[in-house]
Amino acid sequence: MGELIGSLPAPPAESAAYYARGWWRHGTFLDDLHALARTAADQPAYINVRTLLGGTETVTFAELALRVEQFAAVLWARGVRPGQVVAWQLPNWWEAGALWLACGRVGAAALSLPPGTGAREREVMTVSTQAGLFITADDGETAGCGPARVITLDDLLHDAASAVPLSEAERPAVHADEVCQVLCTSGTTGRAKAVLHTHNTRYAALQAARAHLPEHGVTAAVSTLTHAIGLMFSLLSPLATGHPTVFTDTHDADAWLDLLARHRVNCLLAAPRTLGELVRAQQRHPRDLRELQQVISVAAPLPAAVAADVRTSLCPRLIRFYGMTEAGTVMATGPEDATGPEEAAGPATAATSLGRPVPSMEIRLTGTGSPEARRLHVRGPGLCRGMFDLRTRRVLWSPAHDGGWYDTDDLVQADEQGGLRYLSRAADRIGWGYVIPVAEVEGELSGHPRVAEAAIVGTPDSDGHEIACAVVVPRGTPPSLDDLRAFLRARNMTEWYLPVRLCLVPTLPRTALGKVRKDEVRRQIGADALAASTTETT
């Protein structure tokens, strides 16, 4: 891993401008933590509801600062040095945040794996990144760690209890432009890659989102701490705001609603699918959410039906973030959009609006051969340091590529509010000349009473031409293709947007954040096993 980082090109040419604008800095999150440990020592940083162990642990800024230095001393004693990778697979517990910061103290890069990662994927990630140390909560979960030395969280806590923090002389010099985080992702494409972030790219991404977080109050992000969203809004945001975050180690919607009510959470971040689960749980058993001032939808397009339910059942103020693992928050709907004025443009358009770029990010649109669809490229201080293929270790992107522009693989068009409207992933594009707005069709289908979930993918017809197939998880009695087409016509949808094939499935394959794996959907509907559940117009 150290060799790969060392071989990456110099930072982007815009680095000096990023420093001058305050988007980058010479300090790190450790400086923020120790400043808060001095000025707000007894204030809570993390409120961690631990269903696996029972009870709630509240960690103050002073306690967090001490534990971080103790963890760093343990890592150093176990041979971790600058440029190396420390990997772990832990529940959503506050120790993961302390460990991330401790890696920064010794100049190591953190690689946090989702709790459900299996031995096969664990080995790919740890071997490809050359992780030297692996920390697990379960001493029986050691398969697939490659050559990494394995210790348990209990080992770490035991050693930390008596560890003496590194002295100023012992601490290695850590630069804010050094890699501090490795995030492994395949997104919706299935291509496993490692994304490298520095202290500065993480700082810039957090600053871009901070303008949309409440100045005072408690934030909660329904995400694993291993994902970019959990890392940003559960672990790092207290260091920027001085206010606590609340998180738990379960994805259960009722448990999260209880948490929101009990801890009087002011700002909630979640992916659209999770928001839908929270809405249904709140409708079944209403909680007192009067302190909830804002909901932020992240990670995927937000169906109009879900947006309406969120405003009715959770909170009327709804903001949408468009971002990615590679760059953090890129675009957002503004405060003037939060209560829904953009709905005047129509529910489908509102649901797929990305808003406008955050001040630190640039966008560039390139042609696709369609008069309406444009391919979105982004550039800015939150963009990662580089990325490489986890299996081949081939560098996939760096700031030296294309003047620092990153191709998001998303198709967009201008919307009526001066922002951009999301159409689909380029890989999911259906149609030539005029592109079917996949996200809009999916959003409308999700409002059908007999549709639990829906995805639109392109499949070949009998002549080999690409047609739109609706892949539906039914709710109760399955709808017919004619039912769905009539429903979309009643919603005034353009005729050539309508699916001409229907495939019924029990579930849709999804990523950890709920994004539909379109590559897997296409593979499934091509399988003979699903042929009996597929219908087509004549």
Protein backbone atom coordinates (compact mmCIF):
# COMPACT_ATOMS: atom_id res chain seq x y z
CA MET A 1 0.00 0.00 0.00
CA GLY A 2 2.77 2.39 0.85
CA GLU A 3 4.35 1.77 -2.56
CA LEU A 4 1.07 2.49 -4.36
CA ILE A 5 0.49 5.75 -2.48
CA GLY A 6 4.04 6.82 -3.18
CA SER A 7 3.55 6.21 -6.91
CA LEU A 8 0.52 8.46 -7.22
CA PRO A 9 0.95 11.78 -9.05
CA ALA A 10 1.30 15.09 -7.23
CA PRO A 11 -1.81 16.67 -5.70
CA PRO A 12 -4.11 18.56 -8.08
CA ALA A 13 -2.89 21.73 -9.73
CA GLU A 14 -5.62 23.64 -7.88
CA SER A 15 -4.11 22.81 -4.46
CA ALA A 16 -2.84 26.35 -3.81
CA ALA A 17 -6.29 27.76 -4.56
CA TYR A 18 -7.89 25.21 -2.23
CA TYR A 19 -5.61 26.33 0.60
CA ALA A 20 -6.21 29.99 -0.18
CA ARG A 21 -9.99 29.55 -0.09
CA GLY A 22 -9.83 27.68 3.23
CA TRP A 23 -11.15 24.47 1.73
CA TRP A 24 -7.87 22.78 2.65
CA ARG A 25 -5.72 23.46 5.70
CA HIS A 26 -2.48 22.37 7.35
CA GLY A 27 -4.13 20.85 10.42
CA THR A 28 -6.11 17.62 10.83
CA PHE A 29 -9.20 16.41 12.68
CA LEU A 30 -6.96 15.58 15.64
CA ASP A 31 -6.31 19.29 16.09
CA ASP A 32 -10.07 19.88 16.14
CA LEU A 33 -10.57 17.13 18.71
CA HIS A 34 -7.93 18.43 21.11
CA ALA A 35 -9.24 21.99 20.78
CA LEU A 36 -12.70 20.75 21.79
CA ALA A 37 -11.18 18.65 24.59
CA ARG A 38 -9.87 21.94 26.01
CA THR A 39 -12.91 24.17 25.43
CA ALA A 40 -15.79 21.67 25.68
CA ALA A 41 -14.23 18.83 27.65
CA ASP A 42 -17.42 17.56 29.30
CA GLN A 43 -19.68 18.02 26.29
CA PRO A 44 -20.79 14.81 24.52
CA ALA A 45 -19.20 13.94 21.19
CA TYR A 46 -20.81 10.54 20.57
CA ILE A 47 -24.01 9.03 21.98
CA ASN A 48 -23.81 5.36 21.04
CA VAL A 49 -26.83 3.11 21.59
CA ARG A 50 -25.45 -0.44 21.71
CA THR A 51 -28.21 -2.99 21.16
CA LEU A 52 -25.71 -5.84 20.87
CA LEU A 53 -24.38 -5.20 24.38
CA GLY A 54 -27.30 -3.32 25.88
CA GLY A 55 -27.27 0.25 27.14
CA THR A 56 -26.02 3.57 25.83
CA GLU A 57 -22.49 4.98 26.03
CA THR A 58 -21.93 8.73 25.95
CA VAL A 59 -18.38 9.79 25.14
CA THR A 60 -17.26 13.36 25.86
CA PHE A 61 -14.69 15.22 23.81
CA ALA A 62 -12.14 14.87 26.63
CA GLU A 63 -12.75 11.13 26.92
CA LEU A 64 -12.53 10.69 23.17
CA ALA A 65 -9.24 12.61 22.98
CA LEU A 66 -7.70 10.42 25.70
CA ARG A 67 -8.91 7.18 24.12
CA VAL A 68 -7.61 8.24 20.69
CA GLU A 69 -4.11 8.85 22.09
CA GLN A 70 -4.19 5.52 23.94
CA PHE A 71 -5.30 3.66 20.81
CA ALA A 72 -2.53 5.39 18.85
CA ALA A 73 0.05 4.26 21.41
CA VAL A 74 -1.18 0.66 21.05
CA LEU A 75 -1.01 0.82 17.25
CA TRP A 76 2.51 2.23 17.45
CA ALA A 77 3.59 -0.47 19.91
CA ARG A 78 2.26 -3.12 17.53
CA GLY A 79 4.42 -1.81 14.71
CA VAL A 80 2.01 0.40 12.77
CA ARG A 81 3.93 3.14 10.95
CA PRO A 82 3.13 6.01 8.55
CA GLY A 83 1.78 4.93 5.18
CA GLN A 84 0.60 1.54 6.40
CA VAL A 85 -3.02 0.38 6.43
CA VAL A 86 -4.95 -0.62 9.52
CA ALA A 87 -8.16 -2.52 8.78
CA TRP A 88 -11.07 -3.40 11.03
CA GLN A 89 -14.53 -4.91 10.96
CA LEU A 90 -16.55 -3.68 13.93
CA PRO A 91 -20.18 -2.96 14.85
CA ASN A 92 -21.43 0.63 14.86
CA TRP A 93 -19.63 1.45 18.09
CA TRP A 94 -17.85 4.67 19.01
CA GLU A 95 -14.52 2.82 19.25
CA ALA A 96 -14.46 2.80 15.44
CA GLY A 97 -14.33 6.61 15.49
CA ALA A 98 -11.53 6.62 18.05
CA LEU A 99 -9.64 4.08 15.98
CA TRP A 100 -10.00 6.15 12.81
CA LEU A 101 -8.54 9.19 14.57
CA ALA A 102 -5.80 7.09 16.16
CA CYS A 103 -4.67 5.97 12.71
CA GLY A 104 -4.31 9.65 11.84
CA ARG A 105 -2.07 10.19 14.86
CA VAL A 106 0.46 7.57 13.68
CA GLY A 107 0.15 8.46 9.97
CA ALA A 108 -1.63 5.25 9.00
CA ALA A 109 -4.57 4.90 6.61
CA ALA A 110 -7.84 3.50 7.97
CA LEU A 111 -9.70 0.74 6.13
CA SER A 112 -13.06 0.04 7.78
CA LEU A 113 -15.09 -2.92 6.50
CA PRO A 114 -18.89 -3.22 6.80
CA PRO A 115 -20.02 -5.55 9.61
CA GLY A 116 -21.44 -8.16 7.20
CA THR A 117 -18.35 -8.47 5.00
CA GLY A 118 -17.59 -12.14 4.28
CA ALA A 119 -14.21 -13.87 4.30
CA ARG A 120 -13.85 -13.75 0.50
CA GLU A 121 -14.37 -10.00 0.19
CA ARG A 122 -12.39 -9.37 3.38
CA GLU A 123 -9.38 -11.10 1.87
CA VAL A 124 -9.63 -9.13 -1.39
CA MET A 125 -9.69 -5.84 0.54
CA THR A 126 -6.97 -6.60 3.07
CA VAL A 127 -4.58 -8.25 0.62
CA SER A 128 -5.00 -5.63 -2.11
CA THR A 129 -4.42 -2.75 0.32
CA GLN A 130 -1.60 -4.63 2.08
CA ALA A 131 -3.21 -4.10 5.48
CA GLY A 132 -0.70 -4.85 8.21
CA LEU A 133 -3.13 -5.07 11.14
CA PHE A 134 -6.73 -6.26 11.31
CA ILE A 135 -9.02 -5.59 14.28
CA THR A 136 -12.19 -7.61 14.80
CA ALA A 137 -14.92 -7.69 17.43
CA ASP A 138 -15.12 -11.49 17.16
CA ASP A 139 -12.02 -13.58 17.86
CA GLY A 140 -13.53 -16.34 15.70
CA GLU A 141 -13.79 -14.06 12.66
CA THR A 142 -10.23 -14.19 11.38
CA ALA A 143 -10.59 -15.97 8.04
CA GLY A 144 -9.81 -13.88 5.00
CA CYS A 145 -7.47 -11.41 6.69
CA GLY A 146 -4.53 -12.32 4.46
CA PRO A 147 -1.09 -11.68 5.96
CA ALA A 148 -2.40 -9.03 8.35
CA ARG A 149 -1.83 -9.57 12.05
CA VAL A 150 -5.20 -10.00 13.78
CA ILE A 151 -6.21 -8.66 17.17
CA THR A 152 -9.62 -8.32 18.78
CA LEU A 153 -11.26 -5.15 19.99
CA ASP A 154 -10.95 -6.55 23.50
CA ASP A 155 -7.18 -6.85 22.99
CA LEU A 156 -7.03 -3.24 21.86
CA LEU A 157 -9.10 -2.00 24.80
CA HIS A 158 -7.06 -4.04 27.28
CA ASP A 159 -3.76 -2.66 26.01
CA ALA A 160 -5.15 0.87 25.74
CA ALA A 161 -6.22 0.93 29.39
CA SER A 162 -2.58 1.08 30.50
CA ALA A 163 -1.05 2.69 27.40
CA VAL A 164 0.88 5.91 27.75
CA PRO A 165 0.16 8.38 24.92
CA LEU A 166 3.03 9.02 22.53
CA SER A 167 5.14 12.01 23.43
CA GLU A 168 5.61 14.92 21.03
CA ALA A 169 9.04 13.54 20.17
CA GLU A 170 7.64 10.07 19.42
CA ARG A 171 4.76 11.20 17.23
CA PRO A 172 5.45 11.04 13.49
CA ALA A 173 4.90 14.19 11.47
CA VAL A 174 1.54 13.88 9.70
CA HIS A 175 0.68 16.08 6.73
CA ALA A 176 -2.90 16.97 5.87
CA ASP A 177 -2.32 15.90 2.25
CA GLU A 178 -1.36 12.35 3.19
CA VAL A 179 -3.78 9.45 2.68
CA CYS A 180 -5.77 8.76 5.84
CA GLN A 181 -8.70 6.71 4.55
CA VAL A 182 -9.26 3.80 2.18
CA LEU A 183 -12.90 3.24 1.23
CA CYS A 184 -13.79 0.12 -0.72
CA THR A 185 -16.79 0.38 -2.98
CA SER A 186 -18.31 -1.14 -6.06
CA GLY A 187 -21.20 1.31 -6.24
CA THR A 188 -23.88 0.04 -8.61
CA THR A 189 -21.42 -1.23 -11.22
CA GLY A 190 -20.01 -4.26 -9.43
CA ARG A 191 -16.42 -3.16 -10.05
CA ALA A 192 -14.57 -3.37 -6.73
CA LYS A 193 -12.27 -0.41 -6.19
CA ALA A 194 -10.42 1.36 -3.39
CA VAL A 195 -10.88 5.10 -2.98
CA LEU A 196 -8.04 7.00 -1.30
CA HIS A 197 -8.82 10.11 0.75
CA THR A 198 -6.52 12.51 2.57
CA HIS A 199 -7.21 14.51 5.72
CA ASN A 200 -7.85 17.50 3.46
CA THR A 201 -10.25 15.82 1.04
CA ARG A 202 -12.30 14.59 4.01
CA TYR A 203 -12.18 18.05 5.59
CA ALA A 204 -13.33 19.72 2.36
CA ALA A 205 -16.18 17.25 1.95
CA LEU A 206 -17.36 17.82 5.50
CA GLN A 207 -17.15 21.60 5.13
CA ALA A 208 -19.23 21.40 1.94
CA ALA A 209 -22.00 19.59 3.81
CA ARG A 210 -21.71 21.56 7.04
CA ALA A 211 -23.59 24.56 5.64
CA HIS A 212 -26.68 22.36 5.51
CA LEU A 213 -26.33 20.99 9.05
CA PRO A 214 -27.98 22.78 11.99
CA GLU A 215 -25.74 25.23 13.81
CA HIS A 216 -26.76 23.74 17.15
CA GLY A 217 -28.28 20.42 18.04
CA VAL A 218 -27.96 16.68 17.62
CA THR A 219 -27.40 14.88 14.31
CA ALA A 220 -28.04 11.24 13.43
CA ALA A 221 -27.05 9.42 10.22
CA VAL A 222 -28.63 6.02 9.55
CA SER A 223 -25.55 4.41 8.06
CA THR A 224 -22.77 2.07 9.03
CA LEU A 225 -19.73 3.90 10.36
CA THR A 226 -17.68 2.12 7.69
CA HIS A 227 -19.47 3.96 4.87
CA ALA A 228 -18.52 7.47 3.77
CA ILE A 229 -21.85 8.81 5.08
CA GLY A 230 -21.47 7.27 8.53
CA LEU A 231 -17.85 8.35 8.69
CA MET A 232 -18.67 11.91 7.70
CA PHE A 233 -21.86 12.58 9.61
CA SER A 234 -21.57 10.29 12.64
CA LEU A 235 -17.85 10.24 13.39
CA LEU A 236 -16.37 13.48 12.02
CA SER A 237 -19.17 16.06 12.15
CA PRO A 238 -18.92 16.54 15.98
CA LEU A 239 -15.34 17.70 15.45
CA ALA A 240 -16.55 20.42 13.06
CA THR A 241 -19.74 21.47 14.87
CA GLY A 242 -18.89 20.81 18.53
CA HIS A 243 -22.26 19.07 18.87
CA PRO A 244 -22.94 15.35 19.35
CA THR A 245 -24.08 12.68 16.97
CA VAL A 246 -26.27 9.73 17.92
CA PHE A 247 -25.93 6.30 16.32
CA THR A 248 -26.71 2.68 17.01
CA ASP A 249 -25.55 -0.78 15.92
CA THR A 250 -28.80 -1.92 14.34
CA HIS A 251 -30.62 -1.01 11.14
CA ASP A 252 -34.02 -1.65 12.71
CA ALA A 253 -36.34 1.27 11.85
CA ASP A 254 -38.20 1.15 15.16
CA ALA A 255 -34.94 1.27 17.12
CA TRP A 256 -33.83 4.32 15.12
CA LEU A 257 -37.14 6.10 15.65
CA ASP A 258 -36.92 5.44 19.39
CA LEU A 259 -33.39 6.88 19.29
CA LEU A 260 -34.55 10.01 17.41
CA ALA A 261 -37.29 10.66 19.95
CA ARG A 262 -35.32 9.82 23.10
CA HIS A 263 -32.29 11.92 22.21
CA ARG A 264 -34.29 14.74 20.60
CA VAL A 265 -32.40 14.55 17.32
CA ASN A 266 -32.56 17.73 15.22
CA CYS A 267 -31.13 16.55 11.89
CA LEU A 268 -31.50 13.11 10.30
CA LEU A 269 -29.58 11.78 7.29
CA ALA A 270 -30.59 8.56 5.53
CA ALA A 271 -30.84 6.90 2.14
CA PRO A 272 -34.25 6.89 0.40
CA ARG A 273 -34.95 3.23 1.09
CA THR A 274 -34.20 3.71 4.78
CA LEU A 275 -36.40 6.81 4.86
CA GLY A 276 -39.23 4.69 3.47
CA GLU A 277 -38.71 2.14 6.25
CA LEU A 278 -38.71 4.89 8.88
CA VAL A 279 -41.91 6.38 7.45
CA ARG A 280 -43.74 3.03 7.61
CA ALA A 281 -42.53 2.38 11.15
CA GLN A 282 -43.58 5.88 12.24
CA GLN A 283 -47.02 5.39 10.68
CA ARG A 284 -47.45 2.11 12.56
CA HIS A 285 -46.29 3.53 15.89
CA PRO A 286 -45.94 7.34 15.99
CA ARG A 287 -43.12 8.81 18.08
CA ASP A 288 -42.70 12.36 19.27
CA LEU A 289 -40.36 13.83 16.62
CA ARG A 290 -41.14 17.49 17.25
CA GLU A 291 -37.41 18.22 17.75
CA LEU A 292 -36.58 16.91 14.28
CA GLN A 293 -35.97 20.08 12.25
CA GLN A 294 -34.55 18.66 9.04
CA VAL A 295 -34.23 15.43 7.05
CA ILE A 296 -31.46 15.02 4.47
CA SER A 297 -31.81 12.34 1.82
CA VAL A 298 -28.50 10.92 0.63
CA ALA A 299 -26.96 8.27 -1.62
CA ALA A 300 -29.69 7.64 -4.24
CA PRO A 301 -32.55 9.34 -6.13
CA LEU A 302 -35.51 10.05 -3.86
CA PRO A 303 -38.88 8.86 -5.23
CA ALA A 304 -41.59 11.52 -5.09
CA ALA A 305 -43.90 9.25 -3.09
CA VAL A 306 -41.24 8.74 -0.43
CA ALA A 307 -40.46 12.47 -0.33
CA ALA A 308 -44.13 13.26 0.30
CA ASP A 309 -44.35 10.64 3.05
CA VAL A 310 -41.19 11.96 4.72
CA ARG A 311 -42.62 15.48 4.85
CA THR A 312 -45.90 14.21 6.28
CA SER A 313 -44.68 11.59 8.75
CA LEU A 314 -41.17 12.67 9.78
CA CYS A 315 -40.41 16.33 9.07
CA PRO A 316 -41.64 18.91 6.54
CA ARG A 317 -38.13 20.26 5.88
CA LEU A 318 -36.46 17.90 3.41
CA ILE A 319 -33.11 18.49 1.69
CA ARG A 320 -31.38 16.26 -0.83
CA PHE A 321 -27.65 15.69 -1.13
CA TYR A 322 -26.04 14.41 -4.29
CA GLY A 323 -22.63 12.97 -3.59
CA MET A 324 -20.43 9.92 -3.84
CA THR A 325 -17.74 7.98 -2.03
CA GLU A 326 -15.16 9.55 -4.32
CA ALA A 327 -16.06 13.19 -3.62
CA GLY A 328 -18.43 13.61 -0.70
CA THR A 329 -21.27 16.10 -1.15
CA VAL A 330 -21.26 17.61 -4.65
CA MET A 331 -24.72 19.17 -4.98
CA ALA A 332 -27.60 19.95 -2.66
CA THR A 333 -31.04 21.43 -2.75
CA GLY A 334 -30.98 24.77 -0.93
CA PRO A 335 -32.98 26.02 2.05
CA GLU A 336 -35.47 27.60 -0.33
CA ASP A 337 -36.20 24.11 -1.69
CA ALA A 338 -36.47 22.39 1.68
CA THR A 339 -40.20 22.88 2.19
CA GLY A 340 -41.08 21.90 -1.31
CA PRO A 341 -41.43 24.87 -3.71
CA GLU A 342 -39.73 22.76 -6.36
CA GLU A 343 -42.73 20.43 -6.32
CA ALA A 344 -44.42 22.97 -8.57
CA ALA A 345 -42.29 21.57 -11.38
CA GLY A 346 -43.99 18.19 -10.91
CA PRO A 347 -43.35 15.33 -8.48
CA ALA A 348 -41.12 13.34 -10.80
CA THR A 349 -38.87 16.31 -11.57
CA ALA A 350 -38.68 17.25 -7.90
CA ALA A 351 -37.77 13.73 -6.88
CA THR A 352 -34.86 13.57 -9.31
CA SER A 353 -33.53 17.11 -8.78
CA LEU A 354 -29.91 17.18 -7.62
CA GLY A 355 -30.06 20.85 -6.64
CA ARG A 356 -27.07 23.08 -7.27
CA PRO A 357 -23.31 22.56 -6.75
CA VAL A 358 -21.92 23.30 -3.30
CA PRO A 359 -19.53 26.31 -3.41
CA SER A 360 -16.32 24.26 -3.42
CA MET A 361 -17.24 21.88 -6.25
CA GLU A 362 -17.14 22.50 -10.00
CA ILE A 363 -19.24 20.62 -12.54
CA ARG A 364 -18.77 20.02 -16.25
CA LEU A 365 -21.34 18.55 -18.64
CA THR A 366 -20.34 16.68 -21.78
CA GLY A 367 -22.41 15.42 -24.69
CA THR A 368 -23.80 11.90 -24.95
CA GLY A 369 -25.32 11.90 -28.41
CA SER A 370 -28.72 12.72 -26.92
CA PRO A 371 -30.25 16.20 -27.23
CA GLU A 372 -31.25 16.13 -23.54
CA ALA A 373 -28.86 13.94 -21.54
CA ARG A 374 -25.45 15.21 -20.46
CA ARG A 375 -22.69 13.31 -18.70
CA LEU A 376 -21.70 14.84 -15.35
CA HIS A 377 -18.04 15.42 -14.40
CA VAL A 378 -16.96 16.95 -11.09
CA ARG A 379 -13.82 18.57 -9.69
CA GLY A 380 -13.00 20.09 -6.33
CA PRO A 381 -11.16 19.86 -3.01
CA GLY A 382 -13.36 17.02 -1.70
CA LEU A 383 -12.46 14.76 -4.58
CA CYS A 384 -10.37 11.75 -3.59
CA ARG A 385 -6.59 11.50 -3.96
CA GLY A 386 -6.96 8.56 -6.31
CA MET A 387 -8.54 5.15 -6.75
CA PHE A 388 -7.40 1.73 -7.86
CA ASP A 389 -8.92 -1.60 -8.86
CA LEU A 390 -8.97 -3.90 -5.84
CA ARG A 391 -8.27 -7.03 -7.86
CA THR A 392 -5.67 -5.79 -10.34
CA ARG A 393 -4.30 -2.85 -8.29
CA ARG A 394 -4.40 -0.80 -11.48
CA VAL A 395 -4.83 2.93 -10.89
CA LEU A 396 -8.30 3.91 -12.15
CA TRP A 397 -8.18 7.65 -11.54
CA SER A 398 -5.92 10.33 -10.09
CA PRO A 399 -5.89 14.16 -10.09
CA ALA A 400 -3.56 13.99 -13.10
CA HIS A 401 -6.35 12.51 -15.23
CA ASP A 402 -8.27 14.92 -17.44
CA GLY A 403 -7.18 18.03 -15.56
CA GLY A 404 -8.55 16.69 -12.30
CA TRP A 405 -12.09 16.10 -13.63
CA TYR A 406 -13.85 12.94 -12.48
CA ASP A 407 -16.50 11.29 -14.65
CA THR A 408 -19.40 10.39 -12.32
CA ASP A 409 -21.02 8.10 -14.90
CA ASP A 410 -24.30 9.91 -14.21
CA LEU A 411 -26.58 11.37 -16.88
CA VAL A 412 -28.27 14.69 -16.04
CA GLN A 413 -30.08 17.64 -17.61
CA ALA A 414 -30.89 21.17 -16.51
CA ASP A 415 -33.98 21.53 -14.34
CA GLU A 416 -36.44 24.38 -13.88
CA GLN A 417 -34.77 25.66 -10.69
CA GLY A 418 -31.36 26.39 -12.19
CA GLY A 419 -29.88 23.12 -11.00
CA LEU A 420 -29.56 19.67 -12.48
CA ARG A 421 -32.02 16.84 -12.80
CA TYR A 422 -30.88 13.24 -12.48
CA LEU A 423 -31.73 10.89 -15.36
CA SER A 424 -29.81 7.66 -14.75
CA ARG A 425 -26.43 6.04 -14.58
CA ALA A 426 -24.74 6.08 -17.98
CA ALA A 427 -24.38 2.31 -17.69
CA ASP A 428 -28.15 2.09 -17.09
CA ARG A 429 -28.99 4.30 -20.07
CA ILE A 430 -31.96 3.04 -22.06
CA GLY A 431 -32.74 4.40 -25.49
CA TRP A 432 -30.75 6.22 -28.14
CA GLY A 433 -31.39 9.72 -29.42
CA TYR A 434 -33.90 10.33 -26.63
CA VAL A 435 -32.96 8.81 -23.31
CA ILE A 436 -35.57 7.36 -20.96
CA PRO A 437 -35.30 9.14 -17.56
CA VAL A 438 -34.96 5.92 -15.59
CA ALA A 439 -35.08 7.54 -12.15
CA GLU A 440 -38.37 9.28 -12.95
CA VAL A 441 -40.06 6.12 -14.20
CA GLU A 442 -38.87 4.21 -11.14
CA GLY A 443 -40.07 6.99 -8.87
CA GLU A 444 -43.54 6.99 -10.40
CA LEU A 445 -43.81 3.19 -10.30
CA SER A 446 -42.99 3.23 -6.60
CA GLY A 447 -46.26 5.09 -6.07
CA HIS A 448 -48.34 2.21 -7.47
CA PRO A 449 -50.27 0.55 -4.61
CA ARG A 450 -49.22 -2.94 -5.70
CA VAL A 451 -45.53 -2.12 -6.19
CA ALA A 452 -43.20 -2.47 -3.21
CA GLU A 453 -40.01 -1.78 -5.20
CA ALA A 454 -39.21 -1.16 -8.84
CA ALA A 455 -36.20 -0.88 -11.12
CA ILE A 456 -36.02 -0.11 -14.83
CA VAL A 457 -33.31 -1.78 -16.89
CA GLY A 458 -32.63 -2.19 -20.58
CA THR A 459 -32.99 -5.67 -22.07
CA PRO A 460 -32.86 -6.91 -25.67
CA ASP A 461 -36.10 -7.79 -27.47
CA SER A 462 -36.44 -10.69 -29.91
CA ASP A 463 -34.74 -8.63 -32.62
CA GLY A 464 -31.87 -7.57 -30.36
CA HIS A 465 -33.11 -4.01 -29.88
CA GLU A 466 -32.96 -2.55 -26.37
CA ILE A 467 -36.30 -2.14 -24.60
CA ALA A 468 -37.28 -0.95 -21.11
CA CYS A 469 -38.07 -3.67 -18.62
CA ALA A 470 -39.78 -2.94 -15.29
CA VAL A 471 -38.41 -5.26 -12.61
CA VAL A 472 -40.95 -5.20 -9.78
CA VAL A 473 -41.18 -6.57 -6.26
CA PRO A 474 -44.97 -6.78 -5.85
CA ARG A 475 -46.98 -5.75 -2.82
CA GLY A 476 -49.85 -8.20 -2.42
CA THR A 477 -51.46 -9.17 -5.74
CA PRO A 478 -48.87 -8.57 -8.47
CA PRO A 479 -49.72 -5.87 -11.03
CA SER A 480 -49.81 -6.65 -14.73
CA LEU A 481 -47.75 -4.82 -17.31
CA ASP A 482 -50.96 -3.20 -18.61
CA ASP A 483 -51.74 -2.04 -15.06
CA LEU A 484 -48.37 -0.34 -14.77
CA ARG A 485 -48.51 1.29 -18.20
CA ALA A 486 -52.00 2.60 -17.50
CA PHE A 487 -50.84 3.94 -14.14
CA LEU A 488 -47.93 5.80 -15.77
CA ARG A 489 -50.18 7.20 -18.50
CA ALA A 490 -52.51 8.52 -15.82
CA ARG A 491 -49.49 10.30 -14.36
CA ASN A 492 -48.99 11.99 -17.77
CA MET A 493 -45.74 10.16 -18.50
CA THR A 494 -44.40 10.27 -22.05
CA GLU A 495 -45.46 7.17 -23.99
CA TRP A 496 -41.97 6.07 -25.02
CA TYR A 497 -40.87 6.20 -21.37
CA LEU A 498 -43.25 3.34 -20.52
CA PRO A 499 -41.80 -0.13 -19.90
CA VAL A 500 -42.66 -2.73 -22.52
CA ARG A 501 -41.63 -5.70 -20.44
CA LEU A 502 -42.41 -6.67 -16.83
CA CYS A 503 -40.43 -9.05 -14.65
CA LEU A 504 -41.66 -9.94 -11.14
CA VAL A 505 -39.00 -10.77 -8.54
CA PRO A 506 -39.07 -11.44 -4.77
CA THR A 507 -36.31 -8.92 -4.00
CA LEU A 508 -33.99 -6.44 -5.69
CA PRO A 509 -30.23 -6.82 -5.10
CA ARG A 510 -28.88 -3.73 -3.38
CA THR A 511 -25.67 -2.20 -2.10
CA ALA A 512 -25.14 -1.53 1.60
CA LEU A 513 -26.78 1.89 1.23
CA GLY A 514 -29.79 0.60 -0.65
CA LYS A 515 -28.79 1.41 -4.23
CA VAL A 516 -30.12 -1.16 -6.69
CA ARG A 517 -27.40 -3.29 -8.29
CA LYS A 518 -28.51 -2.89 -11.89
CA ASP A 519 -25.78 -5.20 -13.17
CA GLU A 520 -27.13 -7.99 -10.97
CA VAL A 521 -30.74 -7.19 -11.96
CA ARG A 522 -29.85 -7.52 -15.63
CA ARG A 523 -28.12 -10.82 -14.92
CA GLN A 524 -31.16 -12.09 -13.01
CA ILE A 525 -33.75 -11.23 -15.63
CA GLY A 526 -31.62 -12.95 -18.21
CA ALA A 527 -31.73 -16.19 -16.21
CA ASP A 528 -34.10 -18.93 -17.30
CA ALA A 529 -35.47 -19.18 -13.76
CA LEU A 530 -37.26 -15.87 -14.16
CA ALA A 531 -38.66 -16.46 -17.62
CA ALA A 532 -42.04 -17.58 -16.28
CA SER A 533 -42.50 -14.33 -14.38
CA THR A 534 -41.79 -12.08 -17.38
CA THR A 535 -44.46 -10.53 -19.62
CA GLU A 536 -44.15 -8.24 -22.62
CA THR A 537 -46.39 -6.02 -24.71
CA THR A 538 -47.38 -7.25 -28.14
